N, C-alpha and C. Protein backbone atom coordinates (compact mmCIF):
# COMPACT_ATOMS: atom_id res chain seq x y z
N MET A 1 -82.49 -159.48 73.66
CA MET A 1 -81.95 -160.55 74.19
C MET A 1 -80.81 -160.17 74.57
N LYS A 2 -80.29 -160.96 76.23
CA LYS A 2 -79.07 -159.93 76.84
C LYS A 2 -77.97 -161.23 76.14
N SER A 3 -76.90 -161.26 75.68
CA SER A 3 -75.68 -162.03 76.00
C SER A 3 -74.55 -161.75 76.58
N PHE A 4 -73.61 -162.88 76.51
CA PHE A 4 -72.23 -162.49 77.61
C PHE A 4 -71.03 -163.66 77.55
N LEU A 5 -70.08 -163.50 77.99
CA LEU A 5 -68.92 -164.50 77.89
C LEU A 5 -69.26 -165.03 79.16
N LEU A 6 -68.72 -166.26 78.60
CA LEU A 6 -68.11 -167.56 79.87
C LEU A 6 -67.08 -167.81 79.93
N LYS A 7 -66.49 -168.22 80.74
CA LYS A 7 -65.24 -169.00 81.03
C LYS A 7 -65.58 -169.97 82.00
N GLU A 8 -65.26 -171.28 81.46
CA GLU A 8 -65.50 -172.49 82.28
C GLU A 8 -66.92 -172.57 83.02
N LYS A 9 -68.03 -172.05 82.23
CA LYS A 9 -69.36 -171.73 82.57
C LYS A 9 -69.85 -170.82 83.44
N LYS A 10 -68.83 -170.04 83.77
CA LYS A 10 -68.83 -168.83 85.12
C LYS A 10 -68.88 -167.62 83.94
N PRO A 11 -69.95 -166.77 84.65
CA PRO A 11 -69.86 -165.41 83.55
C PRO A 11 -68.75 -164.45 84.12
N LEU A 12 -68.37 -163.72 83.29
CA LEU A 12 -67.23 -162.72 82.98
C LEU A 12 -67.43 -161.67 83.55
N ILE A 13 -68.96 -161.19 83.69
CA ILE A 13 -69.64 -160.10 84.14
C ILE A 13 -71.05 -160.42 85.04
N LYS A 14 -71.31 -159.39 85.66
CA LYS A 14 -72.38 -159.75 86.63
C LYS A 14 -73.93 -159.52 85.34
N TRP A 15 -74.29 -160.73 85.11
CA TRP A 15 -75.16 -160.73 83.81
C TRP A 15 -76.24 -159.83 84.57
N ALA A 16 -76.87 -160.36 85.26
CA ALA A 16 -78.01 -159.57 85.82
C ALA A 16 -78.33 -157.83 85.76
N MET A 17 -76.92 -157.75 85.97
CA MET A 17 -76.78 -155.81 85.75
C MET A 17 -77.04 -155.32 84.39
N LEU A 18 -76.73 -156.01 83.18
CA LEU A 18 -77.03 -155.74 82.08
C LEU A 18 -78.63 -155.55 81.64
N PRO A 19 -78.75 -154.28 80.97
CA PRO A 19 -79.85 -153.97 81.14
C PRO A 19 -80.79 -154.74 79.94
N HIS A 20 -81.83 -155.12 79.94
CA HIS A 20 -82.92 -155.43 78.45
C HIS A 20 -82.49 -154.84 77.42
N GLY A 21 -82.20 -156.11 76.51
CA GLY A 21 -81.55 -155.28 74.88
C GLY A 21 -80.08 -155.20 74.62
N VAL A 22 -79.61 -155.31 75.67
CA VAL A 22 -78.08 -155.29 75.62
C VAL A 22 -77.35 -156.45 74.83
N TYR A 23 -76.50 -156.71 73.54
CA TYR A 23 -75.86 -157.73 72.88
C TYR A 23 -74.93 -157.29 72.59
N PHE A 24 -73.76 -158.45 72.95
CA PHE A 24 -72.12 -157.91 72.54
C PHE A 24 -72.46 -158.96 71.14
N GLU A 25 -71.85 -158.35 70.21
CA GLU A 25 -71.71 -159.02 69.04
C GLU A 25 -69.94 -159.27 69.09
N PHE A 26 -70.14 -160.65 68.60
CA PHE A 26 -68.68 -161.11 68.53
C PHE A 26 -68.62 -161.49 66.50
N LYS A 27 -67.75 -160.99 66.58
CA LYS A 27 -67.43 -160.96 64.46
C LYS A 27 -66.52 -162.46 64.93
N GLY A 28 -67.09 -163.53 64.03
CA GLY A 28 -66.05 -164.88 64.09
C GLY A 28 -66.55 -165.79 65.12
N LYS A 29 -65.10 -166.20 65.46
CA LYS A 29 -65.27 -167.08 66.33
C LYS A 29 -64.89 -166.43 67.79
N LEU A 30 -65.79 -167.13 68.91
CA LEU A 30 -65.54 -166.64 70.24
C LEU A 30 -64.20 -166.84 70.48
N PRO A 31 -63.44 -166.34 71.25
CA PRO A 31 -62.25 -166.36 71.37
C PRO A 31 -61.99 -167.92 72.18
N SER A 32 -60.93 -168.48 71.98
CA SER A 32 -60.21 -169.51 72.60
C SER A 32 -61.09 -169.85 74.23
N SER A 33 -61.28 -171.21 74.48
CA SER A 33 -61.91 -171.21 75.95
C SER A 33 -63.06 -170.75 76.41
N TYR A 34 -63.58 -169.72 75.81
CA TYR A 34 -64.50 -168.84 75.94
C TYR A 34 -65.87 -169.42 75.47
N SER A 35 -67.37 -168.93 76.00
CA SER A 35 -68.42 -169.58 75.33
C SER A 35 -69.52 -168.52 75.74
N LEU A 36 -70.35 -168.91 74.70
CA LEU A 36 -71.45 -167.61 74.71
C LEU A 36 -72.98 -167.91 75.32
N ALA A 37 -72.69 -167.01 76.88
CA ALA A 37 -73.95 -167.33 77.18
C ALA A 37 -75.30 -166.30 76.67
N VAL A 38 -76.63 -167.25 76.62
CA VAL A 38 -77.78 -166.40 76.14
C VAL A 38 -78.74 -166.07 77.27
N CYS A 39 -79.40 -164.80 77.25
CA CYS A 39 -80.54 -164.76 78.35
C CYS A 39 -82.04 -164.58 77.46
N PRO A 40 -82.67 -165.46 77.37
CA PRO A 40 -84.27 -165.64 76.60
C PRO A 40 -84.47 -164.41 76.70
N SER A 41 -85.17 -163.86 75.55
CA SER A 41 -86.18 -162.65 75.79
C SER A 41 -87.11 -163.14 76.67
N ALA A 42 -88.03 -161.80 77.06
CA ALA A 42 -89.06 -162.00 78.00
C ALA A 42 -90.04 -163.01 77.66
N HIS A 43 -90.39 -163.17 76.36
CA HIS A 43 -91.64 -164.39 75.79
C HIS A 43 -90.84 -165.87 75.28
N HIS A 44 -89.65 -165.78 75.84
CA HIS A 44 -89.18 -167.13 75.47
C HIS A 44 -88.57 -168.11 76.53
N ILE A 45 -88.49 -169.18 76.40
CA ILE A 45 -88.14 -169.93 77.33
C ILE A 45 -87.36 -170.82 76.49
N VAL A 46 -86.41 -171.54 77.61
CA VAL A 46 -85.57 -172.74 77.44
C VAL A 46 -85.68 -173.95 78.15
N VAL A 47 -85.91 -174.98 77.40
CA VAL A 47 -86.37 -176.07 78.19
C VAL A 47 -85.07 -176.96 78.09
N ASP A 48 -84.25 -177.18 79.36
CA ASP A 48 -82.72 -177.80 79.35
C ASP A 48 -83.14 -179.20 79.76
N VAL A 49 -82.57 -180.30 78.87
CA VAL A 49 -82.83 -181.62 79.23
C VAL A 49 -81.55 -182.05 79.55
N ASP A 50 -81.17 -182.66 80.74
CA ASP A 50 -79.86 -182.81 81.05
C ASP A 50 -79.76 -184.13 81.36
N ARG A 51 -78.46 -184.96 80.82
CA ARG A 51 -77.86 -185.95 81.19
C ARG A 51 -76.75 -185.88 82.20
N HIS A 52 -76.97 -186.35 83.08
CA HIS A 52 -75.75 -186.48 84.50
C HIS A 52 -75.96 -187.67 85.36
N GLY A 53 -75.12 -188.35 85.44
CA GLY A 53 -74.89 -189.64 86.16
C GLY A 53 -76.04 -190.17 85.71
N LYS A 54 -76.66 -190.77 86.94
CA LYS A 54 -77.81 -191.54 86.67
C LYS A 54 -79.14 -190.88 86.54
N ILE A 55 -79.15 -189.81 86.10
CA ILE A 55 -80.23 -188.92 86.13
C ILE A 55 -80.04 -188.39 84.37
N ASP A 56 -80.94 -188.97 83.61
CA ASP A 56 -81.32 -189.13 82.10
C ASP A 56 -82.61 -188.27 81.97
N GLY A 57 -82.83 -187.00 82.13
CA GLY A 57 -83.83 -186.25 81.90
C GLY A 57 -84.87 -186.70 80.49
N PHE A 58 -84.21 -187.09 79.72
CA PHE A 58 -85.15 -187.49 78.90
C PHE A 58 -86.08 -188.48 79.12
N ASP A 59 -85.49 -189.49 80.10
CA ASP A 59 -86.93 -190.55 80.43
C ASP A 59 -87.71 -189.85 81.21
N ASN A 60 -87.85 -188.30 81.84
CA ASN A 60 -89.13 -187.42 81.99
C ASN A 60 -89.73 -186.77 81.17
N VAL A 61 -89.50 -186.90 79.86
CA VAL A 61 -89.82 -185.94 79.18
C VAL A 61 -90.93 -186.74 78.16
N PRO A 62 -92.51 -186.69 78.30
CA PRO A 62 -93.09 -187.61 77.60
C PRO A 62 -93.31 -187.62 76.08
N LEU A 63 -93.08 -188.79 75.67
CA LEU A 63 -93.16 -188.93 73.81
C LEU A 63 -93.91 -187.79 73.30
N HIS A 64 -95.21 -187.43 73.51
CA HIS A 64 -95.34 -186.09 72.28
C HIS A 64 -95.24 -185.02 73.11
N ILE A 65 -94.79 -184.70 73.93
CA ILE A 65 -93.77 -183.51 74.66
C ILE A 65 -92.51 -183.44 73.58
N LEU A 66 -91.34 -184.57 73.73
CA LEU A 66 -90.33 -184.22 73.34
C LEU A 66 -90.39 -184.47 71.60
N GLU A 67 -91.61 -184.83 71.16
CA GLU A 67 -92.00 -184.48 69.59
C GLU A 67 -91.72 -183.13 69.24
N GLU A 68 -92.80 -182.43 70.29
CA GLU A 68 -93.08 -181.09 69.62
C GLU A 68 -91.79 -179.99 70.13
N LEU A 69 -91.21 -180.67 71.24
CA LEU A 69 -89.90 -180.06 71.62
C LEU A 69 -88.88 -179.79 70.32
N GLN A 70 -88.99 -181.00 69.32
CA GLN A 70 -88.06 -181.46 68.74
C GLN A 70 -88.02 -180.34 67.14
N LYS A 71 -89.41 -179.95 67.13
CA LYS A 71 -89.90 -179.18 66.17
C LYS A 71 -88.93 -177.72 66.08
N SER A 72 -89.14 -177.25 67.36
CA SER A 72 -88.72 -176.19 67.28
C SER A 72 -87.10 -175.96 67.52
N LEU A 73 -86.72 -174.76 67.69
CA LEU A 73 -84.94 -174.46 67.94
C LEU A 73 -84.65 -175.15 68.93
N ASN A 74 -83.47 -176.14 69.02
CA ASN A 74 -83.04 -176.94 69.59
C ASN A 74 -81.36 -177.22 69.59
N TYR A 75 -80.58 -177.28 70.38
CA TYR A 75 -79.33 -178.21 70.15
C TYR A 75 -78.62 -178.69 70.84
N PRO A 76 -77.49 -179.74 70.78
CA PRO A 76 -76.91 -180.38 71.76
C PRO A 76 -76.14 -179.56 72.67
N THR A 77 -75.97 -180.09 74.01
CA THR A 77 -75.14 -179.78 75.24
C THR A 77 -74.14 -180.62 75.18
N LYS A 78 -72.95 -180.16 75.83
CA LYS A 78 -71.92 -180.58 75.54
C LYS A 78 -71.76 -182.24 76.69
N ASN A 79 -72.66 -182.32 77.36
CA ASN A 79 -73.06 -183.71 77.94
C ASN A 79 -74.14 -184.61 77.71
N ASN A 80 -74.50 -184.70 76.30
CA ASN A 80 -75.38 -185.21 75.49
C ASN A 80 -76.65 -184.94 75.82
N GLY A 81 -77.24 -183.60 76.63
CA GLY A 81 -78.26 -183.48 76.48
C GLY A 81 -78.58 -182.59 75.63
N ARG A 82 -79.68 -181.41 75.74
CA ARG A 82 -80.23 -180.39 74.19
C ARG A 82 -81.18 -179.55 75.17
N HIS A 83 -81.04 -178.41 74.50
CA HIS A 83 -81.92 -177.02 74.87
C HIS A 83 -82.73 -177.03 73.89
N PHE A 84 -83.79 -176.76 74.05
CA PHE A 84 -85.32 -176.82 73.34
C PHE A 84 -85.69 -174.85 73.67
N TRP A 85 -85.33 -174.33 72.91
CA TRP A 85 -86.14 -173.08 72.90
C TRP A 85 -87.68 -172.78 72.38
N LEU A 86 -88.85 -172.42 72.92
CA LEU A 86 -89.62 -172.61 72.54
C LEU A 86 -90.46 -170.57 73.31
N GLU A 87 -91.49 -170.20 72.23
CA GLU A 87 -92.24 -169.01 72.80
C GLU A 87 -93.53 -169.64 73.65
N SER A 88 -93.23 -168.86 75.08
CA SER A 88 -94.24 -169.28 75.80
C SER A 88 -95.58 -168.90 75.44
N THR A 89 -96.64 -169.54 75.60
CA THR A 89 -98.04 -168.94 75.49
C THR A 89 -98.77 -169.24 76.35
N SER A 90 -98.07 -169.97 77.70
CA SER A 90 -98.75 -170.49 78.93
C SER A 90 -99.12 -168.68 79.89
N LYS A 91 -100.19 -169.03 80.40
CA LYS A 91 -100.89 -168.26 81.04
C LYS A 91 -100.79 -168.07 82.37
N LYS A 92 -100.10 -168.97 82.93
CA LYS A 92 -99.02 -169.01 84.24
C LYS A 92 -97.59 -168.55 83.86
N GLU A 93 -97.36 -167.66 84.79
CA GLU A 93 -95.84 -167.36 85.17
C GLU A 93 -95.38 -168.85 85.84
N LEU A 94 -94.00 -169.12 84.71
CA LEU A 94 -93.28 -170.06 85.30
C LEU A 94 -92.28 -169.67 86.04
N ALA A 95 -91.33 -170.66 86.80
CA ALA A 95 -90.28 -170.49 87.37
C ALA A 95 -88.99 -171.00 86.41
N ASN A 96 -88.01 -170.07 86.99
CA ASN A 96 -86.61 -170.04 86.29
C ASN A 96 -86.30 -170.90 87.64
N LYS A 97 -86.01 -172.29 86.97
CA LYS A 97 -86.06 -173.25 88.13
C LYS A 97 -85.04 -174.56 87.50
N ALA A 98 -84.94 -175.68 88.42
CA ALA A 98 -84.33 -177.40 88.02
C ALA A 98 -85.59 -178.00 88.69
N SER A 99 -86.01 -178.65 87.77
CA SER A 99 -87.15 -179.56 88.19
C SER A 99 -86.58 -180.77 89.50
N GLY A 100 -85.50 -181.40 89.24
CA GLY A 100 -85.21 -182.46 90.00
C GLY A 100 -84.88 -183.65 89.32
N LEU A 101 -85.52 -183.44 87.76
CA LEU A 101 -85.62 -184.60 87.13
C LEU A 101 -84.90 -184.32 85.84
N GLY A 102 -83.80 -183.73 86.00
CA GLY A 102 -82.94 -183.68 85.08
C GLY A 102 -83.34 -182.67 83.53
N ILE A 103 -84.73 -182.12 84.41
CA ILE A 103 -84.83 -181.02 83.26
C ILE A 103 -85.31 -179.76 84.05
N ASP A 104 -84.39 -178.37 83.40
CA ASP A 104 -84.40 -177.34 84.03
C ASP A 104 -84.94 -176.32 83.25
N LEU A 105 -85.52 -175.36 83.43
CA LEU A 105 -86.10 -174.25 82.70
C LEU A 105 -85.73 -172.75 82.84
N ARG A 106 -84.79 -172.29 81.79
CA ARG A 106 -84.73 -170.78 81.69
C ARG A 106 -85.75 -170.07 81.42
N VAL A 107 -86.07 -169.11 82.16
CA VAL A 107 -87.18 -168.09 81.74
C VAL A 107 -86.79 -166.56 81.57
N GLY A 108 -87.49 -166.41 80.39
CA GLY A 108 -86.88 -164.67 80.00
C GLY A 108 -85.99 -163.73 80.78
N ASN A 109 -84.95 -163.49 80.73
CA ASN A 109 -84.53 -162.27 81.40
C ASN A 109 -84.05 -162.71 82.81
N LYS A 110 -84.19 -164.28 83.00
CA LYS A 110 -84.20 -164.56 84.99
C LYS A 110 -83.11 -165.51 84.67
N GLY A 111 -82.67 -166.10 83.68
CA GLY A 111 -81.84 -167.22 83.36
C GLY A 111 -80.72 -166.86 82.14
N TYR A 112 -79.89 -167.82 82.22
CA TYR A 112 -79.44 -168.05 80.69
C TYR A 112 -78.99 -169.45 80.82
N VAL A 113 -78.47 -169.81 79.55
CA VAL A 113 -77.82 -171.14 78.97
C VAL A 113 -76.92 -170.91 77.91
N VAL A 114 -75.89 -171.46 77.78
CA VAL A 114 -74.86 -171.52 76.84
C VAL A 114 -75.25 -171.78 75.50
N TRP A 115 -75.26 -170.62 74.80
CA TRP A 115 -75.41 -171.10 73.57
C TRP A 115 -74.03 -171.63 72.52
N TYR A 116 -74.33 -173.14 71.83
CA TYR A 116 -73.31 -174.11 71.53
C TYR A 116 -73.14 -173.72 69.98
N PRO A 117 -74.34 -173.45 69.49
CA PRO A 117 -74.35 -173.66 67.89
C PRO A 117 -73.30 -172.45 67.60
N GLU A 118 -73.00 -172.55 66.14
CA GLU A 118 -72.00 -171.63 65.48
C GLU A 118 -72.46 -170.31 65.26
N GLU A 119 -73.99 -170.32 64.87
CA GLU A 119 -74.63 -169.34 64.22
C GLU A 119 -74.78 -168.18 65.25
N ASP A 120 -75.25 -167.30 64.69
CA ASP A 120 -75.62 -166.20 65.71
C ASP A 120 -76.81 -166.30 66.22
N PRO A 121 -76.78 -166.65 67.71
CA PRO A 121 -78.34 -166.65 68.44
C PRO A 121 -79.46 -166.09 67.67
N ARG A 122 -79.28 -164.58 67.34
CA ARG A 122 -80.01 -163.89 66.80
C ARG A 122 -80.73 -164.38 65.18
N ASP A 123 -79.89 -164.98 64.81
CA ASP A 123 -80.46 -165.52 63.52
C ASP A 123 -81.08 -166.92 63.27
N CYS A 124 -81.67 -167.04 64.66
CA CYS A 124 -82.15 -168.11 65.02
C CYS A 124 -83.72 -168.63 65.53
N MET A 125 -83.82 -166.89 66.03
CA MET A 125 -84.81 -167.01 66.46
C MET A 125 -85.91 -167.29 65.94
N GLU A 126 -86.19 -167.41 64.87
CA GLU A 126 -87.37 -167.33 63.60
C GLU A 126 -87.45 -168.91 63.66
N LEU A 127 -86.63 -169.97 64.34
CA LEU A 127 -87.14 -171.21 64.56
C LEU A 127 -87.63 -171.70 65.44
N VAL A 128 -87.89 -170.72 66.33
CA VAL A 128 -88.76 -171.38 68.01
C VAL A 128 -90.15 -171.11 67.60
N LYS A 129 -90.84 -172.44 67.90
CA LYS A 129 -92.22 -172.24 67.84
C LYS A 129 -93.09 -171.85 69.05
N LYS A 130 -93.97 -171.73 69.07
CA LYS A 130 -95.01 -171.39 70.24
C LYS A 130 -95.12 -172.67 70.86
N SER A 131 -95.46 -172.59 72.26
CA SER A 131 -96.01 -173.62 73.03
C SER A 131 -97.29 -174.39 72.70
N SER A 132 -98.01 -175.17 72.81
CA SER A 132 -99.15 -176.18 72.80
C SER A 132 -99.98 -175.86 74.11
N VAL A 133 -101.18 -176.44 74.11
CA VAL A 133 -101.83 -176.26 75.21
C VAL A 133 -101.01 -177.55 75.85
N GLN A 134 -101.12 -178.41 75.40
CA GLN A 134 -100.70 -179.73 76.16
C GLN A 134 -98.88 -179.61 76.70
N MET A 135 -97.92 -178.52 75.96
CA MET A 135 -96.38 -178.36 76.24
C MET A 135 -97.18 -177.51 77.60
N ASN A 136 -97.84 -176.52 77.49
CA ASN A 136 -98.02 -175.38 78.54
C ASN A 136 -98.77 -176.43 79.86
N ASP A 137 -99.51 -176.85 80.12
CA ASP A 137 -99.98 -178.06 80.82
C ASP A 137 -98.90 -178.77 81.31
N TRP A 138 -97.68 -179.48 80.73
CA TRP A 138 -96.52 -180.10 81.34
C TRP A 138 -95.74 -179.32 81.72
N LEU A 139 -95.33 -178.51 81.19
CA LEU A 139 -94.64 -177.21 81.52
C LEU A 139 -94.96 -176.37 83.31
N GLU A 140 -96.29 -176.36 83.03
CA GLU A 140 -96.56 -175.42 84.49
C GLU A 140 -96.86 -176.68 85.82
N SER A 141 -96.65 -178.00 84.91
CA SER A 141 -96.73 -179.11 86.33
C SER A 141 -95.47 -179.05 86.96
N LEU A 142 -94.47 -178.79 85.90
CA LEU A 142 -92.91 -178.94 86.76
C LEU A 142 -92.67 -177.81 87.24
N PHE A 143 -93.33 -176.84 86.35
CA PHE A 143 -92.10 -175.48 86.73
C PHE A 143 -93.27 -174.23 87.24
N SER A 144 -94.73 -174.23 87.39
CA SER A 144 -95.37 -173.00 87.51
C SER A 144 -95.31 -172.59 89.10
N TYR A 145 -95.41 -171.57 89.59
CA TYR A 145 -95.37 -170.80 90.84
C TYR A 145 -96.71 -171.58 91.68
N CYS A 146 -98.06 -171.61 91.42
CA CYS A 146 -99.10 -171.93 91.82
C CYS A 146 -99.11 -173.70 92.00
């Protein structure tokens, strides 16, 4: 898992240039006005449900999918959205992209999310659940290359 500092949601380094497995350790709290970005590991994905303006991504998440997402590692974002972490069991390659429905997907080593919890992200990965067949079908309908 890669991680790096952000200032106003902008990376301080060229994050794609970091080799896989590099992790910056911070002891204590992050410096004032900085945040931590985390790039999921190869088998992890992050479903980013946003609430921006008139678009509420939660309106586009079926109830049974939301219930499954809530059982995995998740935390609120600054705009009342939520980041849901999953271990992908999909057989299809998923794209790192926005859906246009207030739901974005961040795929291992291709994108990053802001890590808002105070806990070290490495200590929380045991809370990540595997995606179900129903979850995979829903994600593939939104984010599959095929």
